[in-house]
Amino acid sequence: MHAKILVGEKEVLMFFESMYQDHLQIAAQTIVKHLSNAQVRKVFDDIGLVNITNKEITLFSLDGEMETLRIS
C-alpha cells in the first residue's frame, strides 16, 4: 500500500504493508524529530519515497541515498 502524507511542509510518498497503516503518523513525527541530523535532512530534501515497517522507517532520496530511522 502507499499514501501521501504531509511531513513538515512536504508531501511524502510512503509505502507500507497494510498491517502498518496505523504507523503513518508516528513515522511522520519520527522523521520530523530527526530532521536536525544533517544526513537525514539531506536525504529528506531530495526525498523520493519512504518505506515503513513495524520498527523502522527508511527514507530514499532521488539521488540514491538512504537513511534508516527507528520508529519512536
C-alpha atoms as a PDB file:
ATOM      1  CA  MET A   1       0.000   0.000   0.000  1.00  0.00           C
ATOM      2  CA  HIS A   2       1.026   3.610  -0.268  1.00  0.00           C
ATOM      3  CA  ALA A   3      -0.152   7.022   0.848  1.00  0.00           C
ATOM      4  CA  LYS A   4       0.912  10.640   0.538  1.00  0.00           C
ATOM      5  CA  ILE A   5       1.491  12.123   3.981  1.00  0.00           C
ATOM      6  CA  LEU A   6       2.419  15.658   4.978  1.00  0.00           C
ATOM      7  CA  VAL A   7       5.773  15.662   6.798  1.00  0.00           C
ATOM      8  CA  GLY A   8       6.615  19.158   7.937  1.00  0.00           C
ATOM      9  CA  GLU A   9       5.551  21.151   4.898  1.00  0.00           C
ATOM     10  CA  LYS A  10       6.445  18.489   2.333  1.00  0.00           C
ATOM     11  CA  GLU A  11       4.142  15.841   0.885  1.00  0.00           C
ATOM     12  CA  VAL A  12       5.910  12.469   1.080  1.00  0.00           C
ATOM     13  CA  LEU A  13       5.022   9.180  -0.619  1.00  0.00           C
ATOM     14  CA  MET A  14       5.082   6.378   1.970  1.00  0.00           C
ATOM     15  CA  PHE A  15       4.966   2.646   1.195  1.00  0.00           C
ATOM     16  CA  PHE A  16       3.895   0.112   3.807  1.00  0.00           C
ATOM     17  CA  GLU A  17       2.249  -3.264   4.369  1.00  0.00           C
ATOM     18  CA  SER A  18      -1.453  -2.881   5.221  1.00  0.00           C
ATOM     19  CA  MET A  19      -0.828  -4.063   8.788  1.00  0.00           C
ATOM     20  CA  TYR A  20       1.400  -0.986   9.359  1.00  0.00           C
ATOM     21  CA  GLN A  21      -1.125   1.595   8.164  1.00  0.00           C
ATOM     22  CA  ASP A  22      -1.538   2.839  11.729  1.00  0.00           C
ATOM     23  CA  HIS A  23       2.209   3.724  11.768  1.00  0.00           C
ATOM     24  CA  LEU A  24       1.874   6.595   9.253  1.00  0.00           C
ATOM     25  CA  GLN A  25       1.526   9.481  11.709  1.00  0.00           C
ATOM     26  CA  ILE A  26       4.187   8.052  14.028  1.00  0.00           C
ATOM     27  CA  ALA A  27       6.505   7.718  11.024  1.00  0.00           C
ATOM     28  CA  ALA A  28       5.892  11.351  10.043  1.00  0.00           C
ATOM     29  CA  GLN A  29       6.585  12.511  13.610  1.00  0.00           C
ATOM     30  CA  THR A  30       9.771  10.410  13.765  1.00  0.00           C
ATOM     31  CA  ILE A  31      11.074  11.924  10.530  1.00  0.00           C
ATOM     32  CA  VAL A  32      10.379  15.466  11.772  1.00  0.00           C
ATOM     33  CA  LYS A  33      12.201  14.709  15.058  1.00  0.00           C
ATOM     34  CA  HIS A  34      15.314  13.601  13.110  1.00  0.00           C
ATOM     35  CA  LEU A  35      15.480  16.483  10.619  1.00  0.00           C
ATOM     36  CA  SER A  36      18.087  18.243  12.756  1.00  0.00           C
ATOM     37  CA  ASN A  37      20.518  15.457  11.735  1.00  0.00           C
ATOM     38  CA  ALA A  38      22.391  16.704   8.644  1.00  0.00           C
ATOM     39  CA  GLN A  39      22.350  13.347   6.833  1.00  0.00           C
ATOM     40  CA  VAL A  40      18.640  12.802   7.451  1.00  0.00           C
ATOM     41  CA  ARG A  41      17.944  16.379   6.286  1.00  0.00           C
ATOM     42  CA  LYS A  42      19.990  15.817   3.103  1.00  0.00           C
ATOM     43  CA  VAL A  43      18.044  12.659   2.203  1.00  0.00           C
ATOM     44  CA  PHE A  44      14.723  14.290   3.151  1.00  0.00           C
ATOM     45  CA  ASP A  45      15.404  17.360   0.991  1.00  0.00           C
ATOM     46  CA  ASP A  46      15.713  15.090  -2.092  1.00  0.00           C
ATOM     47  CA  ILE A  47      13.140  12.537  -0.893  1.00  0.00           C
ATOM     48  CA  GLY A  48      11.842  10.041  -3.399  1.00  0.00           C
ATOM     49  CA  LEU A  49       9.882   7.760  -1.115  1.00  0.00           C
ATOM     50  CA  VAL A  50       9.645   6.338   2.395  1.00  0.00           C
ATOM     51  CA  ASN A  51       9.200   2.681   3.366  1.00  0.00           C
ATOM     52  CA  ILE A  52       7.636   1.842   6.741  1.00  0.00           C
ATOM     53  CA  THR A  53       7.875  -1.431   8.659  1.00  0.00           C
ATOM     54  CA  ASN A  54       6.878  -2.254  12.221  1.00  0.00           C
ATOM     55  CA  LYS A  55      10.172  -0.992  13.687  1.00  0.00           C
ATOM     56  CA  GLU A  56      11.821   1.361  11.199  1.00  0.00           C
ATOM     57  CA  ILE A  57      11.403   3.966   8.511  1.00  0.00           C
ATOM     58  CA  THR A  58      13.712   4.080   5.505  1.00  0.00           C
ATOM     59  CA  LEU A  59      13.986   7.293   3.514  1.00  0.00           C
ATOM     60  CA  PHE A  60      15.149   7.020  -0.104  1.00  0.00           C
ATOM     61  CA  SER A  61      16.372  10.101  -1.961  1.00  0.00           C
ATOM     62  CA  LEU A  62      16.099  10.695  -5.685  1.00  0.00           C
ATOM     63  CA  ASP A  63      19.897  10.528  -5.987  1.00  0.00           C
ATOM     64  CA  GLY A  64      20.127   7.039  -4.459  1.00  0.00           C
ATOM     65  CA  GLU A  65      20.971   7.853  -0.838  1.00  0.00           C
ATOM     66  CA  MET A  66      19.041   6.295   2.007  1.00  0.00           C
ATOM     67  CA  GLU A  67      18.711   6.733   5.739  1.00  0.00           C
ATOM     68  CA  THR A  68      17.001   4.364   8.203  1.00  0.00           C
ATOM     69  CA  LEU A  69      15.357   5.578  11.420  1.00  0.00           C
ATOM     70  CA  ARG A  70      13.931   3.568  14.313  1.00  0.00           C
ATOM     71  CA  ILE A  71      10.271   4.360  14.957  1.00  0.00           C
ATOM     72  CA  SER A  72       9.992   6.305  18.177  1.00  0.00           C
END
